Amino acid sequence: MRSILGFIAGGLFGAGLVISGMTDTIKVQGWLDVFGAWDPTLAFVMGGAIIPMAIAWHLSKRRTPLVGGEFPTPANPKIGRNLVLGSVMFGMGWGLVGLCPGPTIASIGFGGWANSLFILAMIAGMALAPMVRQRLDLSSDTR
């Protein structure tokens, strides 16, 4: 049952990304180009996602998931080097390419070779990230 619900939720999420235009790299880059030819339409997509999710998080405080287990606890709001570095790298990649992991996976069937290249680079980045983090942690410990 849990896998079926996960499949349905993932399918709805992917369909929402495609329908909203989040898989269109030109549209995403237009939204990120605040000082140029800014396209504000994706702000409505973000608002349409954030508002219901905020309500869902509020309602989940007193409930348990339908498929068992527990809802995850909120992340530590502490802003540190790892959060800032990860956010900057994510933002740079998103701005340069116009894709992030969710829309990339949603566009696997029609994204072409550029999408496939991005997926390979994303996988390489995920594989290399622990090594880079370890090196950064070691370099900060030696100071």
Protein backbone atom coordinates (compact mmCIF):
# COMPACT_ATOMS: atom_id res chain seq x y z
CA MET A 1 0.00 0.00 0.00
CA ARG A 2 2.82 2.38 0.90
CA SER A 3 4.52 1.84 -2.48
CA ILE A 4 1.26 2.37 -4.36
CA LEU A 5 0.60 5.65 -2.53
CA GLY A 6 4.22 6.70 -3.16
CA PHE A 7 3.86 5.92 -6.86
CA ILE A 8 0.63 7.93 -7.09
CA ALA A 9 2.09 10.88 -5.17
CA GLY A 10 5.25 10.84 -7.30
CA GLY A 11 3.20 10.69 -10.48
CA LEU A 12 1.06 13.64 -9.37
CA PHE A 13 4.18 15.60 -8.42
CA GLY A 14 5.83 14.89 -11.77
CA ALA A 15 2.67 15.77 -13.69
CA GLY A 16 2.43 19.02 -11.74
CA LEU A 17 6.02 19.90 -12.63
CA VAL A 18 5.37 19.26 -16.33
CA ILE A 19 2.02 21.10 -16.44
CA SER A 20 3.35 24.10 -14.48
CA GLY A 21 6.33 24.60 -16.80
CA MET A 22 9.02 23.73 -14.24
CA THR A 23 10.57 21.31 -16.77
CA ASP A 24 10.92 24.11 -19.37
CA THR A 25 14.47 25.38 -18.88
CA ILE A 26 13.80 28.65 -20.74
CA LYS A 27 10.82 29.41 -18.48
CA VAL A 28 12.83 28.65 -15.32
CA GLN A 29 15.76 30.80 -16.44
CA GLY A 30 13.31 33.59 -17.29
CA TRP A 31 11.94 33.40 -13.76
CA LEU A 32 15.45 33.55 -12.29
CA ASP A 33 16.43 36.53 -14.48
CA VAL A 34 15.09 39.14 -12.05
CA PHE A 35 17.12 42.01 -13.53
CA GLY A 36 16.46 41.10 -17.18
CA ALA A 37 13.44 39.72 -18.99
CA TRP A 38 11.80 38.46 -15.80
CA ASP A 39 8.92 35.97 -16.16
CA PRO A 40 6.97 35.98 -12.85
CA THR A 41 4.62 33.09 -13.71
CA LEU A 42 6.59 30.48 -11.76
CA ALA A 43 6.11 32.56 -8.60
CA PHE A 44 2.47 31.41 -8.72
CA VAL A 45 3.66 27.81 -9.05
CA MET A 46 5.87 28.25 -5.97
CA GLY A 47 3.04 29.88 -4.02
CA GLY A 48 0.69 27.14 -5.14
CA ALA A 49 3.10 24.62 -3.67
CA ILE A 50 4.20 26.42 -0.50
CA ILE A 51 0.76 27.42 0.80
CA PRO A 52 -0.83 23.92 0.77
CA MET A 53 2.39 22.40 2.13
CA ALA A 54 2.45 24.87 5.04
CA ILE A 55 -1.15 23.89 5.84
CA ALA A 56 -0.28 20.18 5.57
CA TRP A 57 2.71 20.56 7.94
CA HIS A 58 0.49 22.38 10.43
CA LEU A 59 -2.21 19.69 10.27
CA SER A 60 0.30 16.82 10.51
CA LYS A 61 1.43 17.85 13.98
CA ARG A 62 -1.50 16.06 15.60
CA ARG A 63 -1.80 13.09 13.23
CA THR A 64 -0.01 9.98 12.06
CA PRO A 65 0.56 8.94 8.42
CA LEU A 66 -2.08 6.71 6.83
CA VAL A 67 0.55 4.10 5.96
CA GLY A 68 2.17 3.97 9.40
CA GLY A 69 5.34 5.37 10.85
CA GLU A 70 5.77 9.00 11.83
CA PHE A 71 6.00 12.28 10.00
CA PRO A 72 9.59 13.59 9.88
CA THR A 73 10.55 16.21 12.41
CA PRO A 74 11.44 19.66 11.09
CA ALA A 75 15.09 20.14 10.17
CA ASN A 76 17.46 22.13 12.35
CA PRO A 77 17.02 25.78 11.28
CA LYS A 78 20.69 26.56 12.04
CA ILE A 79 22.36 28.32 9.13
CA GLY A 80 25.91 27.08 8.73
CA ARG A 81 28.63 26.66 6.13
CA ASN A 82 27.20 23.42 4.71
CA LEU A 83 23.75 24.93 4.18
CA VAL A 84 25.12 28.10 2.57
CA LEU A 85 27.59 26.24 0.32
CA GLY A 86 24.97 23.70 -0.74
CA SER A 87 22.41 26.43 -1.44
CA VAL A 88 24.87 28.44 -3.51
CA MET A 89 25.89 25.39 -5.57
CA PHE A 90 22.26 24.35 -6.07
CA GLY A 91 21.28 27.89 -7.11
CA MET A 92 24.20 28.22 -9.52
CA GLY A 93 23.32 24.94 -11.20
CA TRP A 94 19.65 25.84 -11.35
CA GLY A 95 20.38 29.25 -12.85
CA LEU A 96 22.93 27.99 -15.39
CA VAL A 97 20.98 24.99 -16.63
CA GLY A 98 17.38 25.83 -15.69
CA LEU A 99 16.77 22.44 -14.08
CA CYS A 100 16.84 21.00 -10.61
CA PRO A 101 16.50 17.32 -9.60
CA GLY A 102 12.68 17.07 -9.48
CA PRO A 103 11.95 18.60 -12.89
CA THR A 104 14.91 16.74 -14.39
CA ILE A 105 13.52 13.38 -13.36
CA ALA A 106 10.02 14.44 -14.47
CA SER A 107 11.40 15.29 -17.93
CA ILE A 108 13.41 12.08 -18.45
CA GLY A 109 11.14 10.95 -21.29
CA PHE A 110 11.36 14.11 -23.37
CA GLY A 111 14.42 16.03 -22.15
CA GLY A 112 16.84 14.88 -24.84
CA TRP A 113 20.60 14.51 -24.57
CA ALA A 114 21.04 17.70 -22.51
CA ASN A 115 18.71 16.31 -19.85
CA SER A 116 20.63 13.02 -19.84
CA LEU A 117 23.92 14.90 -19.46
CA PHE A 118 22.46 16.86 -16.54
CA ILE A 119 21.32 13.62 -14.87
CA LEU A 120 24.83 12.16 -15.22
CA ALA A 121 26.35 15.34 -13.78
CA MET A 122 23.81 15.31 -10.95
CA ILE A 123 24.67 11.69 -10.08
CA ALA A 124 28.40 12.50 -10.21
CA GLY A 125 27.82 15.48 -7.91
CA MET A 126 25.91 13.34 -5.43
CA ALA A 127 28.74 10.77 -5.48
CA LEU A 128 31.44 13.42 -5.02
CA ALA A 129 29.64 15.51 -2.39
CA PRO A 130 30.59 13.34 0.63
CA MET A 131 34.28 13.45 -0.35
CA VAL A 132 34.20 17.23 -0.82
CA ARG A 133 32.42 17.67 2.49
CA GLN A 134 34.98 15.48 4.25
CA ARG A 135 37.84 17.55 2.78
CA LEU A 136 36.15 20.78 3.82
CA ASP A 137 35.59 19.44 7.33
CA LEU A 138 39.25 18.37 7.56
CA SER A 139 40.51 21.74 6.31
CA SER A 140 38.38 23.61 8.87
CA ASP A 141 39.58 21.31 11.68
CA THR A 142 43.26 22.09 10.98
CA ARG A 143 42.83 25.84 11.47
